[in-house]
mmCIF file of all heavy atoms, coordinates in Angstrom:
data_MODEL
# 
_entry.id   MODEL 
# 
loop_
_atom_site.group_PDB 
_atom_site.id 
_atom_site.type_symbol 
_atom_site.label_atom_id 
_atom_site.label_alt_id 
_atom_site.label_comp_id 
_atom_site.label_asym_id 
_atom_site.label_entity_id 
_atom_site.label_seq_id 
_atom_site.pdbx_PDB_ins_code 
_atom_site.Cartn_x 
_atom_site.Cartn_y 
_atom_site.Cartn_z 
_atom_site.occupancy 
_atom_site.B_iso_or_equiv 
_atom_site.pdbx_formal_charge 
_atom_site.auth_seq_id 
_atom_site.auth_comp_id 
_atom_site.auth_asym_id 
_atom_site.auth_atom_id 
_atom_site.pdbx_PDB_model_num 
ATOM 1   N N   . ARG A 1 1  ? 0.836   -1.288  0.009   1.00 0.00 ? 1  ARG A N   1 
ATOM 2   C CA  . ARG A 1 1  ? -0.011  0.018   -0.086  1.00 0.00 ? 1  ARG A CA  1 
ATOM 3   C C   . ARG A 1 1  ? 0.920   1.250   0.026   1.00 0.00 ? 1  ARG A C   1 
ATOM 4   O O   . ARG A 1 1  ? 0.440   2.316   -0.566  1.00 0.00 ? 1  ARG A O   1 
ATOM 5   C CB  . ARG A 1 1  ? -0.962  0.000   1.253   1.00 0.00 ? 1  ARG A CB  1 
ATOM 6   C CG  . ARG A 1 1  ? -2.050  -0.936  1.267   1.00 0.00 ? 1  ARG A CG  1 
ATOM 7   C CD  . ARG A 1 1  ? -2.931  -0.661  2.418   1.00 0.00 ? 1  ARG A CD  1 
ATOM 8   N NE  . ARG A 1 1  ? -2.412  -0.344  3.713   1.00 0.00 ? 1  ARG A NE  1 
ATOM 9   C CZ  . ARG A 1 1  ? -2.564  -0.798  4.854   1.00 0.00 ? 1  ARG A CZ  1 
ATOM 10  N NH1 . ARG A 1 1  ? -3.191  -1.937  4.944   1.00 0.00 ? 1  ARG A NH1 1 
ATOM 11  N NH2 . ARG A 1 1  ? -1.932  -0.386  5.862   1.00 0.00 ? 1  ARG A NH2 1 
ATOM 12  N N   . VAL A 1 2  ? 2.002   1.214   0.610   1.00 0.00 ? 2  VAL A N   1 
ATOM 13  C CA  . VAL A 1 2  ? 2.826   2.440   0.706   1.00 0.00 ? 2  VAL A CA  1 
ATOM 14  C C   . VAL A 1 2  ? 3.613   2.731   -0.387  1.00 0.00 ? 2  VAL A C   1 
ATOM 15  O O   . VAL A 1 2  ? 3.666   3.862   -0.871  1.00 0.00 ? 2  VAL A O   1 
ATOM 16  C CB  . VAL A 1 2  ? 3.761   2.182   2.134   1.00 0.00 ? 2  VAL A CB  1 
ATOM 17  C CG1 . VAL A 1 2  ? 4.672   3.430   2.221   1.00 0.00 ? 2  VAL A CG1 1 
ATOM 18  C CG2 . VAL A 1 2  ? 2.886   2.169   3.386   1.00 0.00 ? 2  VAL A CG2 1 
ATOM 19  N N   . TRP A 1 3  ? 4.379   1.778   -0.885  1.00 0.00 ? 3  TRP A N   1 
ATOM 20  C CA  . TRP A 1 3  ? 5.370   2.064   -2.030  1.00 0.00 ? 3  TRP A CA  1 
ATOM 21  C C   . TRP A 1 3  ? 4.712   2.685   -3.302  1.00 0.00 ? 3  TRP A C   1 
ATOM 22  O O   . TRP A 1 3  ? 5.285   3.655   -3.784  1.00 0.00 ? 3  TRP A O   1 
ATOM 23  C CB  . TRP A 1 3  ? 6.111   0.819   -2.404  1.00 0.00 ? 3  TRP A CB  1 
ATOM 24  C CG  . TRP A 1 3  ? 7.077   0.540   -1.206  1.00 0.00 ? 3  TRP A CG  1 
ATOM 25  C CD1 . TRP A 1 3  ? 7.015   -0.771  -0.421  1.00 0.00 ? 3  TRP A CD1 1 
ATOM 26  C CD2 . TRP A 1 3  ? 8.250   1.220   -0.725  1.00 0.00 ? 3  TRP A CD2 1 
ATOM 27  N NE1 . TRP A 1 3  ? 7.994   -0.711  0.599   1.00 0.00 ? 3  TRP A NE1 1 
ATOM 28  C CE2 . TRP A 1 3  ? 8.713   0.462   0.344   1.00 0.00 ? 3  TRP A CE2 1 
ATOM 29  C CE3 . TRP A 1 3  ? 8.723   2.308   -0.960  1.00 0.00 ? 3  TRP A CE3 1 
ATOM 30  C CZ2 . TRP A 1 3  ? 9.791   0.897   0.990   1.00 0.00 ? 3  TRP A CZ2 1 
ATOM 31  C CZ3 . TRP A 1 3  ? 9.859   2.760   -0.261  1.00 0.00 ? 3  TRP A CZ3 1 
ATOM 32  C CH2 . TRP A 1 3  ? 10.527  2.100   0.749   1.00 0.00 ? 3  TRP A CH2 1 
ATOM 33  N N   . PRO A 1 4  ? 3.557   2.290   -3.660  1.00 0.00 ? 4  PRO A N   1 
ATOM 34  C CA  . PRO A 1 4  ? 2.866   2.948   -4.861  1.00 0.00 ? 4  PRO A CA  1 
ATOM 35  C C   . PRO A 1 4  ? 2.622   4.508   -4.672  1.00 0.00 ? 4  PRO A C   1 
ATOM 36  O O   . PRO A 1 4  ? 2.759   5.124   -5.593  1.00 0.00 ? 4  PRO A O   1 
ATOM 37  C CB  . PRO A 1 4  ? 1.598   2.290   -5.038  1.00 0.00 ? 4  PRO A CB  1 
ATOM 38  C CG  . PRO A 1 4  ? 1.772   0.805   -4.355  1.00 0.00 ? 4  PRO A CG  1 
ATOM 39  C CD  . PRO A 1 4  ? 2.689   1.136   -3.258  1.00 0.00 ? 4  PRO A CD  1 
ATOM 40  N N   . LYS A 1 5  ? 2.408   4.807   -3.467  1.00 0.00 ? 5  LYS A N   1 
ATOM 41  C CA  . LYS A 1 5  ? 2.178   6.247   -3.218  1.00 0.00 ? 5  LYS A CA  1 
ATOM 42  C C   . LYS A 1 5  ? 3.423   7.160   -3.508  1.00 0.00 ? 5  LYS A C   1 
ATOM 43  O O   . LYS A 1 5  ? 3.280   8.177   -3.874  1.00 0.00 ? 5  LYS A O   1 
ATOM 44  C CB  . LYS A 1 5  ? 1.835   6.385   -1.642  1.00 0.00 ? 5  LYS A CB  1 
ATOM 45  C CG  . LYS A 1 5  ? 0.405   5.840   -1.333  1.00 0.00 ? 5  LYS A CG  1 
ATOM 46  C CD  . LYS A 1 5  ? 0.120   6.032   0.151   1.00 0.00 ? 5  LYS A CD  1 
ATOM 47  C CE  . LYS A 1 5  ? -1.051  5.313   0.587   1.00 0.00 ? 5  LYS A CE  1 
ATOM 48  N NZ  . LYS A 1 5  ? -1.252  5.338   2.041   1.00 0.00 ? 5  LYS A NZ  1 
ATOM 49  N N   . PHE A 1 6  ? 4.498   6.494   -3.508  1.00 0.00 ? 6  PHE A N   1 
ATOM 50  C CA  . PHE A 1 6  ? 5.851   7.170   -3.699  1.00 0.00 ? 6  PHE A CA  1 
ATOM 51  C C   . PHE A 1 6  ? 6.342   7.104   -5.092  1.00 0.00 ? 6  PHE A C   1 
ATOM 52  O O   . PHE A 1 6  ? 7.199   7.511   -5.503  1.00 0.00 ? 6  PHE A O   1 
ATOM 53  C CB  . PHE A 1 6  ? 7.008   6.628   -2.817  1.00 0.00 ? 6  PHE A CB  1 
ATOM 54  C CG  . PHE A 1 6  ? 6.659   6.668   -1.309  1.00 0.00 ? 6  PHE A CG  1 
ATOM 55  C CD1 . PHE A 1 6  ? 7.138   5.757   -0.498  1.00 0.00 ? 6  PHE A CD1 1 
ATOM 56  C CD2 . PHE A 1 6  ? 5.944   7.815   -0.773  1.00 0.00 ? 6  PHE A CD2 1 
ATOM 57  C CE1 . PHE A 1 6  ? 6.915   5.706   0.786   1.00 0.00 ? 6  PHE A CE1 1 
ATOM 58  C CE2 . PHE A 1 6  ? 5.737   7.741   0.702   1.00 0.00 ? 6  PHE A CE2 1 
ATOM 59  C CZ  . PHE A 1 6  ? 6.263   6.719   1.530   1.00 0.00 ? 6  PHE A CZ  1 
ATOM 60  N N   . GLY A 1 7  ? 5.473   6.404   -5.919  1.00 0.00 ? 7  GLY A N   1 
ATOM 61  C CA  . GLY A 1 7  ? 5.809   6.304   -7.286  1.00 0.00 ? 7  GLY A CA  1 
ATOM 62  C C   . GLY A 1 7  ? 6.341   4.947   -7.669  1.00 0.00 ? 7  GLY A C   1 
ATOM 63  O O   . GLY A 1 7  ? 6.502   4.637   -8.974  1.00 0.00 ? 7  GLY A O   1 
ATOM 64  N N   . TYR A 1 8  ? 6.464   4.013   -6.769  1.00 0.00 ? 8  TYR A N   1 
ATOM 65  C CA  . TYR A 1 8  ? 6.805   2.594   -7.135  1.00 0.00 ? 8  TYR A CA  1 
ATOM 66  C C   . TYR A 1 8  ? 5.720   1.901   -7.996  1.00 0.00 ? 8  TYR A C   1 
ATOM 67  O O   . TYR A 1 8  ? 4.520   2.240   -7.837  1.00 0.00 ? 8  TYR A O   1 
ATOM 68  C CB  . TYR A 1 8  ? 7.100   1.670   -5.925  1.00 0.00 ? 8  TYR A CB  1 
ATOM 69  C CG  . TYR A 1 8  ? 8.490   1.894   -5.382  1.00 0.00 ? 8  TYR A CG  1 
ATOM 70  C CD1 . TYR A 1 8  ? 8.830   3.075   -4.676  1.00 0.00 ? 8  TYR A CD1 1 
ATOM 71  C CD2 . TYR A 1 8  ? 9.473   1.039   -5.482  1.00 0.00 ? 8  TYR A CD2 1 
ATOM 72  C CE1 . TYR A 1 8  ? 9.933   3.221   -4.083  1.00 0.00 ? 8  TYR A CE1 1 
ATOM 73  C CE2 . TYR A 1 8  ? 10.706  1.219   -4.910  1.00 0.00 ? 8  TYR A CE2 1 
ATOM 74  C CZ  . TYR A 1 8  ? 10.883  2.367   -4.297  1.00 0.00 ? 8  TYR A CZ  1 
ATOM 75  O OH  . TYR A 1 8  ? 12.229  2.543   -3.683  1.00 0.00 ? 8  TYR A OH  1 
ATOM 76  N N   . ASP A 1 9  ? 6.144   1.013   -9.037  1.00 0.00 ? 9  ASP A N   1 
ATOM 77  C CA  . ASP A 1 9  ? 5.100   0.355   -9.816  1.00 0.00 ? 9  ASP A CA  1 
ATOM 78  C C   . ASP A 1 9  ? 5.551   -1.142  -9.910  1.00 0.00 ? 9  ASP A C   1 
ATOM 79  O O   . ASP A 1 9  ? 6.834   -1.385  -9.859  1.00 0.00 ? 9  ASP A O   1 
ATOM 80  C CB  . ASP A 1 9  ? 5.133   1.045   -11.248 1.00 0.00 ? 9  ASP A CB  1 
ATOM 81  C CG  . ASP A 1 9  ? 3.848   0.790   -11.954 1.00 0.00 ? 9  ASP A CG  1 
ATOM 82  O OD1 . ASP A 1 9  ? 2.920   0.166   -11.384 1.00 0.00 ? 9  ASP A OD1 1 
ATOM 83  O OD2 . ASP A 1 9  ? 3.662   1.103   -13.084 1.00 0.00 ? 9  ASP A OD2 1 
ATOM 84  N N   . GLY A 1 10 ? 4.545   -1.910  -10.177 1.00 0.00 ? 10 GLY A N   1 
ATOM 85  C CA  . GLY A 1 10 ? 4.898   -3.357  -10.513 1.00 0.00 ? 10 GLY A CA  1 
ATOM 86  C C   . GLY A 1 10 ? 3.712   -3.863  -11.268 1.00 0.00 ? 10 GLY A C   1 
ATOM 87  O O   . GLY A 1 10 ? 2.564   -3.456  -11.233 1.00 0.00 ? 10 GLY A O   1 
ATOM 88  N N   . PRO A 1 11 ? 3.982   -4.989  -11.943 1.00 0.00 ? 11 PRO A N   1 
ATOM 89  C CA  . PRO A 1 11 ? 3.088   -5.619  -12.832 1.00 0.00 ? 11 PRO A CA  1 
ATOM 90  C C   . PRO A 1 11 ? 2.052   -6.513  -11.885 1.00 0.00 ? 11 PRO A C   1 
ATOM 91  O O   . PRO A 1 11 ? 2.461   -7.048  -10.925 1.00 0.00 ? 11 PRO A O   1 
ATOM 92  C CB  . PRO A 1 11 ? 3.821   -6.571  -13.639 1.00 0.00 ? 11 PRO A CB  1 
ATOM 93  C CG  . PRO A 1 11 ? 5.005   -7.014  -12.826 1.00 0.00 ? 11 PRO A CG  1 
ATOM 94  C CD  . PRO A 1 11 ? 5.227   -5.662  -12.023 1.00 0.00 ? 11 PRO A CD  1 
ATOM 95  N N   . LEU A 1 12 ? 0.747   -6.248  -12.270 1.00 0.00 ? 12 LEU A N   1 
ATOM 96  C CA  . LEU A 1 12 ? -0.357  -6.987  -11.630 1.00 0.00 ? 12 LEU A CA  1 
ATOM 97  C C   . LEU A 1 12 ? -0.415  -8.281  -12.201 1.00 0.00 ? 12 LEU A C   1 
ATOM 98  O O   . LEU A 1 12 ? -0.600  -8.490  -13.414 1.00 0.00 ? 12 LEU A O   1 
ATOM 99  C CB  . LEU A 1 12 ? -1.612  -6.248  -11.775 1.00 0.00 ? 12 LEU A CB  1 
ATOM 100 C CG  . LEU A 1 12 ? -1.695  -4.965  -11.045 1.00 0.00 ? 12 LEU A CG  1 
ATOM 101 C CD1 . LEU A 1 12 ? -2.987  -4.213  -11.278 1.00 0.00 ? 12 LEU A CD1 1 
ATOM 102 C CD2 . LEU A 1 12 ? -1.472  -5.131  -9.390  1.00 0.00 ? 12 LEU A CD2 1 
ATOM 103 N N   . SER A 1 13 ? -0.489  -9.375  -11.377 1.00 0.00 ? 13 SER A N   1 
ATOM 104 C CA  . SER A 1 13 ? -0.451  -10.740 -11.853 1.00 0.00 ? 13 SER A CA  1 
ATOM 105 C C   . SER A 1 13 ? -2.120  -10.933 -12.171 1.00 0.00 ? 13 SER A C   1 
ATOM 106 O O   . SER A 1 13 ? -2.990  -10.302 -11.780 1.00 0.00 ? 13 SER A O   1 
ATOM 107 C CB  . SER A 1 13 ? -0.014  -11.730 -10.900 1.00 0.00 ? 13 SER A CB  1 
ATOM 108 O OG  . SER A 1 13 ? -0.772  -11.644 -9.703  1.00 0.00 ? 13 SER A OG  1 
ATOM 109 N N   . ASP A 1 14 ? -2.297  -12.204 -12.789 1.00 0.00 ? 14 ASP A N   1 
ATOM 110 C CA  . ASP A 1 14 ? -3.638  -12.581 -12.986 1.00 0.00 ? 14 ASP A CA  1 
ATOM 111 C C   . ASP A 1 14 ? -4.391  -12.732 -11.635 1.00 0.00 ? 14 ASP A C   1 
ATOM 112 O O   . ASP A 1 14 ? -5.609  -12.352 -11.411 1.00 0.00 ? 14 ASP A O   1 
ATOM 113 C CB  . ASP A 1 14 ? -3.827  -13.837 -13.708 1.00 0.00 ? 14 ASP A CB  1 
ATOM 114 C CG  . ASP A 1 14 ? -3.439  -13.714 -15.213 1.00 0.00 ? 14 ASP A CG  1 
ATOM 115 O OD1 . ASP A 1 14 ? -3.438  -12.494 -15.752 1.00 0.00 ? 14 ASP A OD1 1 
ATOM 116 O OD2 . ASP A 1 14 ? -3.169  -14.659 -15.969 1.00 0.00 ? 14 ASP A OD2 1 
ATOM 117 N N   . ALA A 1 15 ? -3.714  -13.232 -10.729 1.00 0.00 ? 15 ALA A N   1 
ATOM 118 C CA  . ALA A 1 15 ? -4.174  -13.431 -9.316  1.00 0.00 ? 15 ALA A CA  1 
ATOM 119 C C   . ALA A 1 15 ? -4.618  -12.096 -8.720  1.00 0.00 ? 15 ALA A C   1 
ATOM 120 O O   . ALA A 1 15 ? -5.689  -12.026 -7.971  1.00 0.00 ? 15 ALA A O   1 
ATOM 121 C CB  . ALA A 1 15 ? -3.248  -14.187 -8.438  1.00 0.00 ? 15 ALA A CB  1 
ATOM 122 N N   . HIS A 1 16 ? -3.720  -11.116 -8.805  1.00 0.00 ? 16 HIS A N   1 
ATOM 123 C CA  . HIS A 1 16 ? -4.028  -9.867  -8.251  1.00 0.00 ? 16 HIS A CA  1 
ATOM 124 C C   . HIS A 1 16 ? -5.277  -9.236  -9.007  1.00 0.00 ? 16 HIS A C   1 
ATOM 125 O O   . HIS A 1 16 ? -6.264  -8.699  -8.217  1.00 0.00 ? 16 HIS A O   1 
ATOM 126 C CB  . HIS A 1 16 ? -2.909  -8.765  -8.614  1.00 0.00 ? 16 HIS A CB  1 
ATOM 127 C CG  . HIS A 1 16 ? -1.710  -9.038  -7.738  1.00 0.00 ? 16 HIS A CG  1 
ATOM 128 N ND1 . HIS A 1 16 ? -0.443  -9.263  -8.138  1.00 0.00 ? 16 HIS A ND1 1 
ATOM 129 C CD2 . HIS A 1 16 ? -1.554  -8.901  -6.351  1.00 0.00 ? 16 HIS A CD2 1 
ATOM 130 C CE1 . HIS A 1 16 ? 0.356   -9.296  -7.192  1.00 0.00 ? 16 HIS A CE1 1 
ATOM 131 N NE2 . HIS A 1 16 ? -0.255  -9.171  -6.005  1.00 0.00 ? 16 HIS A NE2 1 
ATOM 132 N N   . ARG A 1 17 ? -5.423  -9.329  -10.327 1.00 0.00 ? 17 ARG A N   1 
ATOM 133 C CA  . ARG A 1 17 ? -6.515  -8.855  -11.081 1.00 0.00 ? 17 ARG A CA  1 
ATOM 134 C C   . ARG A 1 17 ? -7.742  -9.593  -10.653 1.00 0.00 ? 17 ARG A C   1 
ATOM 135 O O   . ARG A 1 17 ? -8.942  -9.084  -10.470 1.00 0.00 ? 17 ARG A O   1 
ATOM 136 C CB  . ARG A 1 17 ? -6.268  -8.894  -12.569 1.00 0.00 ? 17 ARG A CB  1 
ATOM 137 C CG  . ARG A 1 17 ? -5.205  -7.750  -13.064 1.00 0.00 ? 17 ARG A CG  1 
ATOM 138 C CD  . ARG A 1 17 ? -5.316  -7.560  -14.501 1.00 0.00 ? 17 ARG A CD  1 
ATOM 139 N NE  . ARG A 1 17 ? -4.689  -8.791  -15.126 1.00 0.00 ? 17 ARG A NE  1 
ATOM 140 C CZ  . ARG A 1 17 ? -3.381  -8.983  -15.295 1.00 0.00 ? 17 ARG A CZ  1 
ATOM 141 N NH1 . ARG A 1 17 ? -2.649  -8.209  -14.840 1.00 0.00 ? 17 ARG A NH1 1 
ATOM 142 N NH2 . ARG A 1 17 ? -3.003  -10.014 -16.000 1.00 0.00 ? 17 ARG A NH2 1 
ATOM 143 N N   . ASN A 1 18 ? -7.754  -10.900 -10.478 1.00 0.00 ? 18 ASN A N   1 
ATOM 144 C CA  . ASN A 1 18 ? -8.882  -11.605 -10.076 1.00 0.00 ? 18 ASN A CA  1 
ATOM 145 C C   . ASN A 1 18 ? -9.332  -11.308 -8.685  1.00 0.00 ? 18 ASN A C   1 
ATOM 146 O O   . ASN A 1 18 ? -10.499 -11.275 -8.373  1.00 0.00 ? 18 ASN A O   1 
ATOM 147 C CB  . ASN A 1 18 ? -8.567  -13.116 -10.066 1.00 0.00 ? 18 ASN A CB  1 
ATOM 148 C CG  . ASN A 1 18 ? -8.526  -13.712 -11.451 1.00 0.00 ? 18 ASN A CG  1 
ATOM 149 O OD1 . ASN A 1 18 ? -9.087  -13.070 -12.459 1.00 0.00 ? 18 ASN A OD1 1 
ATOM 150 N ND2 . ASN A 1 18 ? -7.712  -14.848 -11.760 1.00 0.00 ? 18 ASN A ND2 1 
ATOM 151 N N   . GLN A 1 19 ? -8.357  -10.947 -7.814  1.00 0.00 ? 19 GLN A N   1 
ATOM 152 C CA  . GLN A 1 19 ? -8.656  -10.600 -6.418  1.00 0.00 ? 19 GLN A CA  1 
ATOM 153 C C   . GLN A 1 19 ? -9.410  -9.277  -6.408  1.00 0.00 ? 19 GLN A C   1 
ATOM 154 O O   . GLN A 1 19 ? -10.457 -9.105  -5.653  1.00 0.00 ? 19 GLN A O   1 
ATOM 155 C CB  . GLN A 1 19 ? -7.442  -10.535 -5.458  1.00 0.00 ? 19 GLN A CB  1 
ATOM 156 C CG  . GLN A 1 19 ? -7.796  -10.180 -4.077  1.00 0.00 ? 19 GLN A CG  1 
ATOM 157 C CD  . GLN A 1 19 ? -8.638  -11.176 -3.290  1.00 0.00 ? 19 GLN A CD  1 
ATOM 158 O OE1 . GLN A 1 19 ? -8.525  -12.402 -3.595  1.00 0.00 ? 19 GLN A OE1 1 
ATOM 159 N NE2 . GLN A 1 19 ? -9.331  -10.783 -2.272  1.00 0.00 ? 19 GLN A NE2 1 
ATOM 160 N N   . ILE A 1 20 ? -8.904  -8.317  -7.249  1.00 0.00 ? 20 ILE A N   1 
ATOM 161 C CA  . ILE A 1 20 ? -9.536  -7.067  -7.361  1.00 0.00 ? 20 ILE A CA  1 
ATOM 162 C C   . ILE A 1 20 ? -11.044 -7.276  -7.911  1.00 0.00 ? 20 ILE A C   1 
ATOM 163 O O   . ILE A 1 20 ? -11.969 -6.698  -7.445  1.00 0.00 ? 20 ILE A O   1 
ATOM 164 C CB  . ILE A 1 20 ? -8.733  -6.009  -8.265  1.00 0.00 ? 20 ILE A CB  1 
ATOM 165 C CG1 . ILE A 1 20 ? -7.477  -5.646  -7.427  1.00 0.00 ? 20 ILE A CG1 1 
ATOM 166 C CG2 . ILE A 1 20 ? -9.566  -4.815  -8.658  1.00 0.00 ? 20 ILE A CG2 1 
ATOM 167 C CD1 . ILE A 1 20 ? -6.401  -5.103  -8.305  1.00 0.00 ? 20 ILE A CD1 1 
ATOM 168 N N   . LEU A 1 21 ? -11.135 -7.959  -8.888  1.00 0.00 ? 21 LEU A N   1 
ATOM 169 C CA  . LEU A 1 21 ? -12.435 -8.296  -9.526  1.00 0.00 ? 21 LEU A CA  1 
ATOM 170 C C   . LEU A 1 21 ? -13.458 -8.808  -8.497  1.00 0.00 ? 21 LEU A C   1 
ATOM 171 O O   . LEU A 1 21 ? -14.576 -8.350  -8.305  1.00 0.00 ? 21 LEU A O   1 
ATOM 172 C CB  . LEU A 1 21 ? -12.370 -9.112  -10.605 1.00 0.00 ? 21 LEU A CB  1 
ATOM 173 C CG  . LEU A 1 21 ? -13.649 -9.479  -11.444 1.00 0.00 ? 21 LEU A CG  1 
ATOM 174 C CD1 . LEU A 1 21 ? -14.360 -8.169  -11.913 1.00 0.00 ? 21 LEU A CD1 1 
ATOM 175 C CD2 . LEU A 1 21 ? -13.378 -10.378 -12.716 1.00 0.00 ? 21 LEU A CD2 1 
ATOM 176 N N   . ARG A 1 22 ? -13.023 -9.875  -7.734  1.00 0.00 ? 22 ARG A N   1 
ATOM 177 C CA  . ARG A 1 22 ? -13.740 -10.465 -6.733  1.00 0.00 ? 22 ARG A CA  1 
ATOM 178 C C   . ARG A 1 22 ? -14.149 -9.424  -5.649  1.00 0.00 ? 22 ARG A C   1 
ATOM 179 O O   . ARG A 1 22 ? -15.220 -9.398  -5.121  1.00 0.00 ? 22 ARG A O   1 
ATOM 180 C CB  . ARG A 1 22 ? -13.114 -11.649 -6.061  1.00 0.00 ? 22 ARG A CB  1 
ATOM 181 C CG  . ARG A 1 22 ? -13.089 -12.987 -6.850  1.00 0.00 ? 22 ARG A CG  1 
ATOM 182 C CD  . ARG A 1 22 ? -12.697 -14.131 -6.103  1.00 0.00 ? 22 ARG A CD  1 
ATOM 183 N NE  . ARG A 1 22 ? -11.368 -14.099 -5.529  1.00 0.00 ? 22 ARG A NE  1 
ATOM 184 C CZ  . ARG A 1 22 ? -10.272 -14.407 -6.215  1.00 0.00 ? 22 ARG A CZ  1 
ATOM 185 N NH1 . ARG A 1 22 ? -10.369 -14.851 -7.485  1.00 0.00 ? 22 ARG A NH1 1 
ATOM 186 N NH2 . ARG A 1 22 ? -9.145  -14.349 -5.689  1.00 0.00 ? 22 ARG A NH2 1 
ATOM 187 N N   . GLY A 1 23 ? -13.233 -8.619  -5.234  1.00 0.00 ? 23 GLY A N   1 
ATOM 188 C CA  . GLY A 1 23 ? -13.532 -7.688  -4.127  1.00 0.00 ? 23 GLY A CA  1 
ATOM 189 C C   . GLY A 1 23 ? -14.339 -6.472  -4.607  1.00 0.00 ? 23 GLY A C   1 
ATOM 190 O O   . GLY A 1 23 ? -14.981 -5.930  -3.688  1.00 0.00 ? 23 GLY A O   1 
ATOM 191 N N   . THR A 1 24 ? -14.231 -6.146  -5.920  1.00 0.00 ? 24 THR A N   1 
ATOM 192 C CA  . THR A 1 24 ? -14.800 -4.797  -6.365  1.00 0.00 ? 24 THR A CA  1 
ATOM 193 C C   . THR A 1 24 ? -16.076 -5.043  -7.306  1.00 0.00 ? 24 THR A C   1 
ATOM 194 O O   . THR A 1 24 ? -16.921 -4.193  -7.439  1.00 0.00 ? 24 THR A O   1 
ATOM 195 C CB  . THR A 1 24 ? -13.944 -3.844  -6.873  1.00 0.00 ? 24 THR A CB  1 
ATOM 196 O OG1 . THR A 1 24 ? -13.457 -4.436  -8.209  1.00 0.00 ? 24 THR A OG1 1 
ATOM 197 C CG2 . THR A 1 24 ? -12.748 -3.533  -6.144  1.00 0.00 ? 24 THR A CG2 1 
ATOM 198 N N   . ARG A 1 25 ? -16.039 -6.197  -7.806  1.00 0.00 ? 25 ARG A N   1 
ATOM 199 C CA  . ARG A 1 25 ? -16.878 -6.465  -8.933  1.00 0.00 ? 25 ARG A CA  1 
ATOM 200 C C   . ARG A 1 25 ? -16.894 -5.376  -10.087 1.00 0.00 ? 25 ARG A C   1 
ATOM 201 O O   . ARG A 1 25 ? -17.837 -5.180  -10.867 1.00 0.00 ? 25 ARG A O   1 
ATOM 202 C CB  . ARG A 1 25 ? -18.382 -6.573  -8.424  1.00 0.00 ? 25 ARG A CB  1 
ATOM 203 C CG  . ARG A 1 25 ? -18.630 -7.507  -7.435  1.00 0.00 ? 25 ARG A CG  1 
ATOM 204 C CD  . ARG A 1 25 ? -19.389 -8.718  -7.864  1.00 0.00 ? 25 ARG A CD  1 
ATOM 205 N NE  . ARG A 1 25 ? -19.859 -9.540  -6.638  1.00 0.00 ? 25 ARG A NE  1 
ATOM 206 C CZ  . ARG A 1 25 ? -19.133 -10.637 -6.463  1.00 0.00 ? 25 ARG A CZ  1 
ATOM 207 N NH1 . ARG A 1 25 ? -18.218 -11.245 -7.259  1.00 0.00 ? 25 ARG A NH1 1 
ATOM 208 N NH2 . ARG A 1 25 ? -19.529 -11.450 -5.425  1.00 0.00 ? 25 ARG A NH2 1 
ATOM 209 N N   . ASN A 1 26 ? -15.773 -4.792  -10.232 1.00 0.00 ? 26 ASN A N   1 
ATOM 210 C CA  . ASN A 1 26 ? -15.432 -3.867  -11.318 1.00 0.00 ? 26 ASN A CA  1 
ATOM 211 C C   . ASN A 1 26 ? -14.470 -4.325  -12.302 1.00 0.00 ? 26 ASN A C   1 
ATOM 212 O O   . ASN A 1 26 ? -13.254 -4.371  -11.993 1.00 0.00 ? 26 ASN A O   1 
ATOM 213 C CB  . ASN A 1 26 ? -14.975 -2.565  -10.561 1.00 0.00 ? 26 ASN A CB  1 
ATOM 214 C CG  . ASN A 1 26 ? -14.769 -1.370  -11.434 1.00 0.00 ? 26 ASN A CG  1 
ATOM 215 O OD1 . ASN A 1 26 ? -14.482 -1.572  -12.707 1.00 0.00 ? 26 ASN A OD1 1 
ATOM 216 N ND2 . ASN A 1 26 ? -14.895 -0.085  -10.994 1.00 0.00 ? 26 ASN A ND2 1 
ATOM 217 N N   . ALA A 1 27 ? -15.179 -4.845  -13.411 1.00 0.00 ? 27 ALA A N   1 
ATOM 218 C CA  . ALA A 1 27 ? -14.229 -5.378  -14.444 1.00 0.00 ? 27 ALA A CA  1 
ATOM 219 C C   . ALA A 1 27 ? -13.236 -4.361  -15.079 1.00 0.00 ? 27 ALA A C   1 
ATOM 220 O O   . ALA A 1 27 ? -12.218 -4.773  -15.516 1.00 0.00 ? 27 ALA A O   1 
ATOM 221 C CB  . ALA A 1 27 ? -15.123 -5.861  -15.606 1.00 0.00 ? 27 ALA A CB  1 
ATOM 222 N N   . LYS A 1 28 ? -13.468 -3.120  -15.072 1.00 0.00 ? 28 LYS A N   1 
ATOM 223 C CA  . LYS A 1 28 ? -12.669 -2.137  -15.550 1.00 0.00 ? 28 LYS A CA  1 
ATOM 224 C C   . LYS A 1 28 ? -11.439 -2.099  -14.743 1.00 0.00 ? 28 LYS A C   1 
ATOM 225 O O   . LYS A 1 28 ? -10.196 -2.126  -15.301 1.00 0.00 ? 28 LYS A O   1 
ATOM 226 C CB  . LYS A 1 28 ? -13.385 -0.782  -15.577 1.00 0.00 ? 28 LYS A CB  1 
ATOM 227 C CG  . LYS A 1 28 ? -12.694 0.308   -16.373 1.00 0.00 ? 28 LYS A CG  1 
ATOM 228 C CD  . LYS A 1 28 ? -13.573 1.571   -16.505 1.00 0.00 ? 28 LYS A CD  1 
ATOM 229 C CE  . LYS A 1 28 ? -13.183 2.315   -17.661 1.00 0.00 ? 28 LYS A CE  1 
ATOM 230 N NZ  . LYS A 1 28 ? -13.882 3.631   -17.683 1.00 0.00 ? 28 LYS A NZ  1 
ATOM 231 N N   . LEU A 1 29 ? -11.392 -2.129  -13.398 1.00 0.00 ? 29 LEU A N   1 
ATOM 232 C CA  . LEU A 1 29 ? -10.312 -2.045  -12.529 1.00 0.00 ? 29 LEU A CA  1 
ATOM 233 C C   . LEU A 1 29 ? -9.508  -3.244  -12.789 1.00 0.00 ? 29 LEU A C   1 
ATOM 234 O O   . LEU A 1 29 ? -8.185  -3.200  -12.726 1.00 0.00 ? 29 LEU A O   1 
ATOM 235 C CB  . LEU A 1 29 ? -10.659 -1.889  -11.051 1.00 0.00 ? 29 LEU A CB  1 
ATOM 236 C CG  . LEU A 1 29 ? -11.320 -0.497  -10.670 1.00 0.00 ? 29 LEU A CG  1 
ATOM 237 C CD1 . LEU A 1 29 ? -11.731 -0.678  -9.198  1.00 0.00 ? 29 LEU A CD1 1 
ATOM 238 C CD2 . LEU A 1 29 ? -10.455 0.638   -10.983 1.00 0.00 ? 29 LEU A CD2 1 
# 
């Protein structure tokens, strides 16, 4: 949560994207 606020970036895996989809139900995110 902290490092992205400072500009760090990293690739989102399929697992990350699936977790975001399950948690938000927002396919765009």
